[in-house]
Amino acid sequence: MAQASSQNKQPKTFWNEKNREALAAYGFLAPFVFTIVIFFGYAFVRTIYYSFTDYDLFKTPNFVGLDNYKNILTEQLFNIALANTLLFSLIVTTLQTIGALVLAVVLNQKLRGMLFFRTAYYMPSITSSVVITLIFIWLFRPTGIFSFVLNWFGNHSSLILTFLVVGALLQAAQVMYDRSKGYPATAFDPAFLFTSVLVGLVITFILNALNIVRVGDLPAQPLNWIATREKFLGIIPYPLLVIIIQNTFTTIPTLMLFFLAGLQGVSKSLYEASSIDGATPQEQLRYITIPALRPVTFYVVTVGVIGTLQMFDQVSIFEGANAPLESTITLAFYVFKKAFDPSGLPKIGLATAGAIFLAVITTVMVMIQRRFVVSDTGS
C-alpha cells in the first residue's frame, strides 16, 4: 500500500506548473522591466553622476563634489524657482482636488442630460495644453476679455451691491417670519429665494432710474497680467496666477473622473439610512462620501503633487509671451534653462543637481501627503 502511494507521487522538477506560471509572468514583464532599467534606471544613475561634475556635453566631465548643490542653493534664480514651484503645487493641488470632488458629486446625480454635462466638463482635459495656454494668454492680455469684465464689474459695483443687500434682507425677513409661525423654513428656501431675487431686481432698477444708485463711468484701464513682475497680494506673481487658473481649469475634469468612479462604489444604502436619520446633504458629504473616497483622494493628491511639481510647458509658452522669467520659472523649467542655456554652453552639472533636488522634493511631498491621507491599505 505504501509502495503504491509512493509510486503515485511525481518527482519534483524545476518545470512544474508553479514555476512555469512564474516564468511566463516574468516573460511578460521583461519588456517593461528592460525599459525601466535602460531608459529610467540608467538615466537616473547618470544624472546623479553628472550632478557631481562640471560638464557641458562637449568636454570630459570634471568631478567637483558638492559644488553644484552649493551653487544652486545660493543662486537667486533657483530660490525663486523653488518658491514658485512650492506655491504653485500647494495652490493647484488643493484647488483641483476640492473642485474635482465637488464636480464629481454634482455629476453623480441621476438627472436628465447628465451624460452631456459629463462629456462637456471633460473637454478641457483632452484639448492641447499649448492651445489652452495661448487662449488664456489672449484672455488675460491688457485689452482682453478679463480686463473688460473687471472694468464692467467696477462700474456696476454699486448696482450689484445694492441688489445683493436688498435680496439678502428680503430673504432673511421671509425666513424669520416663516419660522416665527412655526414652519421649518431654510435659509435658501427656493420659493423665498425667487421672490427675493425678483423684488431685489425691481428695487435696484427703481433706485437706478431715480439716479440714487448710478452706474460708474470709469474708463477702461488695460490690466497687465502677463508682462509684469507685480504680485497678487504681494505673494503670487500675476503671470504665475494666470498659469494657476489655467492649470486648475484643465486638470479638474480628469481628476473628476477618478472621484466619479469612486462614487459608483459607495453603497446607496448608506445615504438612504442617513436620510432617514435626518442627515443633511452636507453631513452626508462629510461623514459618508469623503471617508469612502479616501483611497481615491490619496491617488488624486499624489498625481496632483507630481504633476504640479513637474509643470513646464505653460511656463515655456508664457516666456515666449514676454512674461518675466522670475515671475513664472519653476524647478522643471530651471533645469531646462540650465541644460539648454541660450547664452552659453550647457551647464549640465547644475541642471542635473536641480533635477535631483526636484526629485527629492517630489518624494518628500508625496510621503507627507501619504502620512495625512489614508490610502487603500490603511498606511
Protein backbone atom coordinates (compact mmCIF):
# COMPACT_ATOMS: atom_id res chain seq x y z
CA MET A 1 0.00 0.00 0.00
CA ALA A 2 2.81 2.38 0.94
CA GLN A 3 4.72 1.33 -2.17
CA ALA A 4 1.72 2.13 -4.40
CA SER A 5 1.28 5.61 -2.87
CA SER A 6 4.96 6.39 -3.33
CA GLN A 7 4.73 5.41 -7.00
CA ASN A 8 1.82 7.88 -7.46
CA LYS A 9 3.94 10.79 -6.21
CA GLN A 10 5.50 12.69 -9.12
CA PRO A 11 9.14 13.74 -8.75
CA LYS A 12 9.73 17.40 -8.06
CA THR A 13 11.31 19.11 -11.05
CA PHE A 14 12.04 22.73 -11.96
CA TRP A 15 9.48 22.64 -14.79
CA ASN A 16 6.49 22.08 -12.57
CA GLU A 17 3.27 24.05 -13.08
CA LYS A 18 4.03 26.74 -10.49
CA ASN A 19 7.46 27.58 -11.94
CA ARG A 20 6.10 27.59 -15.49
CA GLU A 21 3.46 30.17 -14.49
CA ALA A 22 6.08 32.31 -12.76
CA LEU A 23 8.37 32.13 -15.77
CA ALA A 24 5.53 33.16 -18.08
CA ALA A 25 4.77 36.14 -15.82
CA TYR A 26 8.42 37.23 -15.86
CA GLY A 27 8.40 36.89 -19.63
CA PHE A 28 5.50 39.31 -19.95
CA LEU A 29 7.16 41.72 -17.51
CA ALA A 30 10.57 41.58 -19.22
CA PRO A 31 9.95 44.31 -21.86
CA PHE A 32 8.64 46.73 -19.22
CA VAL A 33 11.49 45.93 -16.81
CA PHE A 34 14.02 46.37 -19.64
CA THR A 35 12.53 49.79 -20.48
CA ILE A 36 12.62 50.87 -16.83
CA VAL A 37 16.22 49.73 -16.32
CA ILE A 38 17.63 51.23 -19.52
CA PHE A 39 15.66 54.43 -20.03
CA PHE A 40 14.97 55.33 -16.39
CA GLY A 41 17.35 53.46 -14.10
CA TYR A 42 20.45 54.05 -16.21
CA ALA A 43 19.43 57.67 -16.90
CA PHE A 44 18.85 58.29 -13.19
CA VAL A 45 22.27 56.89 -12.26
CA ARG A 46 23.92 59.06 -14.94
CA THR A 47 22.00 62.09 -13.65
CA ILE A 48 23.32 61.52 -10.14
CA TYR A 49 26.85 61.16 -11.53
CA TYR A 50 26.66 64.35 -13.60
CA SER A 51 25.31 66.31 -10.62
CA PHE A 52 28.75 65.91 -9.02
CA THR A 53 30.64 67.06 -12.11
CA ASP A 54 31.29 70.17 -14.20
CA TYR A 55 30.02 69.05 -17.59
CA ASP A 56 28.86 70.91 -20.71
CA LEU A 57 28.16 67.99 -23.13
CA PHE A 58 31.42 68.61 -25.00
CA LYS A 59 34.29 68.29 -22.55
CA THR A 60 35.11 65.35 -20.32
CA PRO A 61 33.14 65.55 -17.04
CA ASN A 62 35.22 67.05 -14.23
CA PHE A 63 34.35 65.84 -10.72
CA VAL A 64 33.57 68.81 -8.41
CA GLY A 65 31.86 67.10 -5.49
CA LEU A 66 29.01 69.02 -3.87
CA ASP A 67 29.84 72.33 -5.57
CA ASN A 68 26.81 72.17 -7.88
CA TYR A 69 24.42 71.70 -4.95
CA LYS A 70 26.07 74.55 -3.04
CA ASN A 71 25.87 76.81 -6.08
CA ILE A 72 22.17 76.26 -6.81
CA LEU A 73 21.21 76.73 -3.16
CA THR A 74 22.86 80.15 -3.18
CA GLU A 75 21.61 81.14 -6.65
CA GLN A 76 18.76 83.66 -6.61
CA LEU A 77 17.04 82.23 -9.69
CA PHE A 78 16.95 78.75 -8.17
CA ASN A 79 15.42 80.05 -4.93
CA ILE A 80 12.78 81.93 -6.93
CA ALA A 81 12.04 78.77 -8.94
CA LEU A 82 11.78 76.75 -5.72
CA ALA A 83 9.37 79.24 -4.15
CA ASN A 84 7.23 79.42 -7.32
CA THR A 85 7.13 75.62 -7.59
CA LEU A 86 6.05 75.02 -3.99
CA LEU A 87 3.49 77.83 -4.15
CA PHE A 88 2.10 76.58 -7.45
CA SER A 89 1.95 72.96 -6.28
CA LEU A 90 0.22 73.78 -2.98
CA ILE A 91 -2.44 76.04 -4.51
CA VAL A 92 -3.21 73.99 -7.63
CA THR A 93 -3.27 70.62 -5.85
CA THR A 94 -5.67 71.99 -3.23
CA LEU A 95 -7.97 73.72 -5.73
CA GLN A 96 -8.08 70.87 -8.24
CA THR A 97 -8.74 68.22 -5.57
CA ILE A 98 -11.61 70.16 -3.99
CA GLY A 99 -13.00 71.20 -7.38
CA ALA A 100 -12.84 67.67 -8.78
CA LEU A 101 -14.62 66.25 -5.72
CA VAL A 102 -17.42 68.83 -5.83
CA LEU A 103 -17.86 68.40 -9.59
CA ALA A 104 -17.95 64.60 -9.25
CA VAL A 105 -20.63 64.79 -6.53
CA VAL A 106 -22.74 67.08 -8.73
CA LEU A 107 -22.34 64.94 -11.85
CA ASN A 108 -23.09 61.75 -9.90
CA GLN A 109 -26.75 62.76 -9.62
CA LYS A 110 -29.27 60.86 -11.74
CA LEU A 111 -30.69 63.70 -13.79
CA ARG A 112 -31.77 64.01 -17.41
CA GLY A 113 -28.92 65.02 -19.72
CA MET A 114 -26.18 64.31 -17.14
CA LEU A 115 -24.13 62.37 -19.72
CA PHE A 116 -23.87 65.51 -21.85
CA PHE A 117 -22.59 67.56 -18.91
CA ARG A 118 -20.04 64.88 -18.00
CA THR A 119 -18.71 64.98 -21.56
CA ALA A 120 -18.74 68.79 -21.73
CA TYR A 121 -16.86 69.19 -18.46
CA TYR A 122 -14.20 66.71 -19.61
CA MET A 123 -13.43 68.57 -22.87
CA PRO A 124 -10.71 70.89 -21.44
CA SER A 125 -8.65 67.85 -20.42
CA ILE A 126 -8.40 66.45 -23.95
CA THR A 127 -7.55 69.79 -25.54
CA SER A 128 -3.89 70.55 -26.25
CA SER A 129 -2.26 72.34 -23.32
CA VAL A 130 -0.46 74.60 -25.79
CA VAL A 131 -3.77 75.71 -27.31
CA ILE A 132 -5.34 76.28 -23.89
CA THR A 133 -2.29 78.30 -22.78
CA LEU A 134 -2.49 80.52 -25.86
CA ILE A 135 -6.20 81.08 -25.24
CA PHE A 136 -5.54 82.13 -21.64
CA ILE A 137 -2.77 84.48 -22.77
CA TRP A 138 -5.29 86.07 -25.12
CA LEU A 139 -7.94 86.29 -22.38
CA PHE A 140 -5.56 87.97 -19.94
CA ARG A 141 -3.85 90.39 -22.33
CA PRO A 142 -4.10 94.10 -21.33
CA THR A 143 -7.17 94.69 -23.53
CA GLY A 144 -8.54 91.16 -23.26
CA ILE A 145 -11.88 89.86 -22.05
CA PHE A 146 -10.80 89.54 -18.42
CA SER A 147 -9.81 93.21 -18.24
CA PHE A 148 -13.15 94.16 -19.82
CA VAL A 149 -15.12 92.06 -17.29
CA LEU A 150 -13.26 93.54 -14.32
CA ASN A 151 -13.87 97.07 -15.65
CA TRP A 152 -17.58 96.29 -16.15
CA PHE A 153 -17.94 94.99 -12.59
CA GLY A 154 -16.09 98.06 -11.31
CA ASN A 155 -18.57 100.39 -12.99
CA HIS A 156 -21.61 98.36 -11.91
CA SER A 157 -20.39 97.51 -8.40
CA SER A 158 -22.90 99.89 -6.75
CA LEU A 159 -25.84 98.25 -8.55
CA ILE A 160 -24.59 94.74 -7.77
CA LEU A 161 -24.02 95.58 -4.10
CA THR A 162 -27.49 97.14 -3.83
CA PHE A 163 -29.13 94.08 -5.38
CA LEU A 164 -27.26 91.68 -3.06
CA VAL A 165 -28.05 93.67 0.10
CA VAL A 166 -31.74 94.10 -0.76
CA GLY A 167 -32.10 90.45 -1.75
CA ALA A 168 -30.36 89.23 1.41
CA LEU A 169 -32.54 91.40 3.65
CA LEU A 170 -35.73 90.24 1.93
CA GLN A 171 -34.66 86.59 2.16
CA ALA A 172 -33.81 86.93 5.86
CA ALA A 173 -37.11 88.68 6.60
CA GLN A 174 -39.17 85.97 4.88
CA VAL A 175 -37.32 83.13 6.58
CA MET A 176 -37.60 84.73 10.03
CA TYR A 177 -41.31 85.41 9.57
CA ASP A 178 -41.97 81.82 8.44
CA ARG A 179 -40.02 80.41 11.38
CA SER A 180 -41.95 82.66 13.79
CA LYS A 181 -45.09 80.88 12.57
CA GLY A 182 -43.54 77.51 13.41
CA TYR A 183 -42.67 76.42 9.87
CA PRO A 184 -39.27 74.76 9.19
CA ALA A 185 -38.06 77.33 6.64
CA THR A 186 -34.47 77.04 5.38
CA ALA A 187 -32.12 79.94 4.69
CA PHE A 188 -32.16 79.25 0.94
CA ASP A 189 -35.78 78.25 0.52
CA PRO A 190 -36.38 78.22 -3.29
CA ALA A 191 -39.74 79.97 -3.12
CA PHE A 192 -38.42 82.75 -0.89
CA LEU A 193 -35.26 82.99 -2.96
CA PHE A 194 -37.23 83.56 -6.17
CA THR A 195 -39.21 86.33 -4.51
CA SER A 196 -36.09 87.95 -3.05
CA VAL A 197 -34.29 87.95 -6.40
CA LEU A 198 -37.30 89.34 -8.28
CA VAL A 199 -38.04 92.11 -5.75
CA GLY A 200 -34.34 92.91 -5.43
CA LEU A 201 -34.07 93.43 -9.19
CA VAL A 202 -37.14 95.68 -9.24
CA ILE A 203 -35.91 97.83 -6.31
CA THR A 204 -32.44 98.12 -7.83
CA PHE A 205 -33.93 99.18 -11.17
CA ILE A 206 -36.10 101.83 -9.47
CA LEU A 207 -33.17 103.23 -7.47
CA ASN A 208 -31.12 103.41 -10.65
CA ALA A 209 -33.97 105.14 -12.51
CA LEU A 210 -34.25 107.70 -9.70
CA ASN A 211 -30.50 108.29 -10.01
CA ILE A 212 -29.97 107.23 -6.39
CA VAL A 213 -27.70 104.36 -7.38
CA ARG A 214 -25.73 105.06 -10.53
CA VAL A 215 -23.50 103.19 -12.93
CA GLY A 216 -19.88 104.30 -12.78
CA ASP A 217 -18.18 105.92 -15.73
CA LEU A 218 -14.61 104.82 -15.14
CA PRO A 219 -12.72 104.47 -18.44
CA ALA A 220 -11.41 101.06 -19.40
CA GLN A 221 -7.95 100.62 -17.94
CA PRO A 222 -5.72 97.95 -19.52
CA LEU A 223 -4.55 95.43 -16.93
CA ASN A 224 -1.17 93.83 -17.46
CA TRP A 225 -1.32 90.20 -16.30
CA ILE A 226 1.48 88.70 -18.40
CA ALA A 227 4.44 91.05 -18.89
CA THR A 228 4.72 92.17 -15.28
CA ARG A 229 6.72 91.48 -12.14
CA GLU A 230 3.98 92.65 -9.80
CA LYS A 231 2.46 90.18 -7.34
CA PHE A 232 -1.12 89.46 -6.35
CA LEU A 233 -1.49 90.19 -2.62
CA GLY A 234 2.29 90.59 -2.60
CA ILE A 235 2.71 86.81 -2.80
CA ILE A 236 1.85 85.34 -6.22
CA PRO A 237 3.27 86.90 -9.40
CA TYR A 238 0.42 87.76 -11.77
CA PRO A 239 1.76 85.61 -14.67
CA LEU A 240 2.03 82.64 -12.29
CA LEU A 241 -1.52 83.35 -11.07
CA VAL A 242 -2.79 83.07 -14.66
CA ILE A 243 -0.98 79.72 -15.01
CA ILE A 244 -2.54 78.56 -11.72
CA ILE A 245 -6.03 79.41 -13.00
CA GLN A 246 -5.39 77.69 -16.32
CA ASN A 247 -3.84 74.56 -14.80
CA THR A 248 -6.68 74.21 -12.30
CA PHE A 249 -9.25 74.61 -15.09
CA THR A 250 -7.67 71.91 -17.27
CA THR A 251 -6.89 69.30 -14.57
CA ILE A 252 -10.14 69.29 -12.60
CA PRO A 253 -12.06 67.31 -15.30
CA THR A 254 -9.51 64.47 -15.36
CA LEU A 255 -9.38 64.13 -11.58
CA MET A 256 -13.17 64.38 -11.52
CA LEU A 257 -13.35 61.07 -13.38
CA PHE A 258 -11.44 59.29 -10.61
CA PHE A 259 -13.77 60.64 -7.94
CA LEU A 260 -16.77 59.82 -10.13
CA ALA A 261 -15.58 56.22 -10.46
CA GLY A 262 -15.06 56.05 -6.70
CA LEU A 263 -18.58 57.34 -6.04
CA GLN A 264 -20.01 54.44 -8.02
CA GLY A 265 -18.68 52.10 -5.34
CA VAL A 266 -20.27 53.89 -2.37
CA SER A 267 -23.33 51.96 -1.19
CA LYS A 268 -26.59 53.81 -1.75
CA SER A 269 -27.98 52.24 1.42
CA LEU A 270 -25.64 54.43 3.48
CA TYR A 271 -27.22 57.58 2.04
CA GLU A 272 -30.73 56.18 2.45
CA ALA A 273 -30.13 55.25 6.10
CA SER A 274 -28.58 58.65 6.85
CA SER A 275 -31.53 60.42 5.19
CA ILE A 276 -33.92 58.52 7.42
CA ASP A 277 -31.88 59.66 10.43
CA GLY A 278 -32.23 63.27 9.25
CA ALA A 279 -28.73 63.84 7.82
CA THR A 280 -28.39 66.84 5.52
CA PRO A 281 -26.56 66.62 2.15
CA GLN A 282 -23.62 68.47 3.72
CA GLU A 283 -23.42 65.94 6.56
CA GLN A 284 -23.63 63.05 4.08
CA LEU A 285 -20.73 64.54 2.13
CA ARG A 286 -18.65 64.96 5.28
CA TYR A 287 -19.36 61.69 7.07
CA ILE A 288 -20.05 59.27 4.18
CA THR A 289 -18.68 60.46 0.85
CA ILE A 290 -15.30 61.87 1.88
CA PRO A 291 -14.31 58.92 4.16
CA ALA A 292 -15.37 56.41 1.49
CA LEU A 293 -13.23 58.20 -1.12
CA ARG A 294 -10.01 58.23 0.90
CA PRO A 295 -8.18 55.74 -1.39
CA VAL A 296 -9.19 57.79 -4.44
CA THR A 297 -8.21 61.02 -2.69
CA PHE A 298 -4.78 59.55 -1.96
CA TYR A 299 -4.29 58.78 -5.64
CA VAL A 300 -5.65 62.14 -6.83
CA VAL A 301 -3.45 64.13 -4.44
CA THR A 302 -0.39 62.06 -5.38
CA VAL A 303 -0.96 62.58 -9.10
CA GLY A 304 -1.64 66.27 -8.50
CA VAL A 305 1.54 66.81 -6.47
CA ILE A 306 3.74 65.04 -9.02
CA GLY A 307 2.13 66.82 -11.97
CA THR A 308 2.32 70.31 -10.46
CA LEU A 309 5.94 69.92 -9.35
CA GLN A 310 6.89 68.96 -12.91
CA MET A 311 4.93 71.74 -14.64
CA PHE A 312 6.93 73.00 -17.62
CA ASP A 313 5.04 73.63 -20.88
CA GLN A 314 2.92 76.58 -19.72
CA VAL A 315 5.99 78.38 -18.35
CA SER A 316 7.81 77.89 -21.65
CA ILE A 317 4.92 79.39 -23.63
CA PHE A 318 4.50 82.30 -21.20
CA GLU A 319 8.19 83.12 -21.60
CA GLY A 320 7.53 83.47 -25.32
CA ALA A 321 4.69 85.88 -24.46
CA ASN A 322 7.18 88.24 -22.75
CA ALA A 323 6.42 87.12 -19.20
CA PRO A 324 9.42 87.86 -16.91
CA LEU A 325 11.37 84.70 -16.20
CA GLU A 326 11.40 85.20 -12.42
CA SER A 327 7.58 85.60 -12.41
CA THR A 328 6.91 82.17 -13.89
CA ILE A 329 10.00 79.98 -13.57
CA THR A 330 9.61 76.60 -11.86
CA LEU A 331 12.17 73.96 -10.95
CA ALA A 332 11.43 71.92 -14.08
CA PHE A 333 11.94 74.97 -16.29
CA TYR A 334 15.06 75.91 -14.30
CA VAL A 335 16.55 72.52 -15.17
CA PHE A 336 15.70 73.09 -18.85
CA LYS A 337 17.25 76.57 -18.89
CA LYS A 338 20.48 75.31 -17.36
CA ALA A 339 20.70 72.31 -19.69
CA PHE A 340 19.97 74.40 -22.81
CA ASP A 341 21.38 77.79 -21.87
CA PRO A 342 20.92 80.13 -24.87
CA SER A 343 23.61 82.49 -23.58
CA GLY A 344 26.44 79.99 -23.47
CA LEU A 345 27.45 76.37 -23.02
CA PRO A 346 25.03 73.96 -21.30
CA LYS A 347 25.50 73.69 -17.55
CA ILE A 348 24.67 70.01 -17.20
CA GLY A 349 26.10 69.78 -13.70
CA LEU A 350 23.78 72.49 -12.36
CA ALA A 351 20.84 71.14 -14.37
CA THR A 352 21.21 67.61 -13.02
CA ALA A 353 21.68 68.90 -9.47
CA GLY A 354 18.43 70.83 -9.88
CA ALA A 355 16.75 67.69 -11.25
CA ILE A 356 17.89 65.64 -8.23
CA PHE A 357 16.65 68.38 -5.92
CA LEU A 358 13.26 68.30 -7.69
CA ALA A 359 13.11 64.50 -7.35
CA VAL A 360 13.83 64.72 -3.62
CA ILE A 361 11.15 67.40 -3.10
CA THR A 362 8.61 65.31 -5.04
CA THR A 363 9.35 62.22 -2.95
CA VAL A 364 9.14 64.15 0.33
CA MET A 365 5.83 65.83 -0.57
CA VAL A 366 4.28 62.51 -1.65
CA MET A 367 5.39 60.89 1.61
CA ILE A 368 3.97 63.80 3.61
CA GLN A 369 0.56 63.63 1.96
CA ARG A 370 0.62 59.83 2.34
CA ARG A 371 1.05 60.38 6.07
CA PHE A 372 -2.11 62.50 6.27
CA VAL A 373 -4.30 60.87 3.62
CA VAL A 374 -5.26 57.28 4.43
CA SER A 375 -4.51 55.06 1.44
CA ASP A 376 -6.27 51.89 0.35
CA THR A 377 -4.04 49.75 2.53
CA GLY A 378 -4.61 51.94 5.57
CA SER A 379 -0.98 53.06 5.61
